[in-house]
Amino acid sequence: MAKTAIVTGSARGIGKAIATKLAKAGYNIAIIDACPIENSQQTADEIAGLGVETMAINCNVVSSESVKEAVAAVIEKFGTIDVLVNNAGITRDGLLVRMKEEDFDAVIAVNLKGTYNFFREVSPIMLKQRSGRIVSIASIVGLQGNAGQVNYSASKAGVIAITKSAARELASRGITCNAIAPGYVQTAMTDALSDKVKEAMLEAIPMRRYGQVEDIANCVGFLVSDDASYITGQVISVDGGMHM
């Protein structure tokens, strides 16, 4: 029986790269995203071309009821959830003294509560199976902070704390929980930055290059594999040496 992976925020970007990586490893894939369902379905259809089964689900990760329905739909179709990747996230950047309360609340809700909601719904399934892999995408700013990102940094530090606590709770049942802390990853957002800003960002990276979405996906692929069966409660920085 093929294994199944849920990847949140996977219609595009890092999440899509992770879903593609896991599909290449033979996992059936549930594409879960808050974007229009046709976008998620397009990604699911592309990944299905790799020879696995896929499904696309529209889900508001902030809503416990929406998450519950999404997880139930995955179980109904595939019968099992072997991997959960918490990738869904947003930014609402701004300096602390100017940050609007609603921007703080929105980032904490999606990034932190959304991760909690999926942990809570998927954990009982994995406990019953006595196996599972959970990987949450944090950020180096959750380890070292960043000016203009009080909300985002707090949310990602919280993701790391959830991961470590859950790792302690679930380890005895063969479930591993780890986090990945990406640095600057090349995306459409970074491509749109000015040359001056790009140069300053690259100066902060010892390896002098941006990360690629595949760099994050490759780390996820390792953490869910049998080769990582004795690794849990860890945070792996994939950042070209920015945070040491």
Foldseek 3Di string as FASTA:
>chain_A
DAAAEEFEPQLDDLNLLLQLLVVLVPHEYEYEYQPPQVSQVVSQVVSVVSVHHYYYAHADLLDLVRLLVSVVVCCVVPVAHAEYEAEDFDADFAAPVPDDPVRLVVRLSGLASSLVSNCVNRVVRCLVVLHHEYEYEAACCLVVNDGRGPSNNVSRVNVLVVQLVVQVVRVVSQYAGEYEHEYAEDDPVLVPDDPVVVVVSLVLAPQSDHHYSNLVSVVVVCCSDPVNSPDHSYYHYPYNPNDD
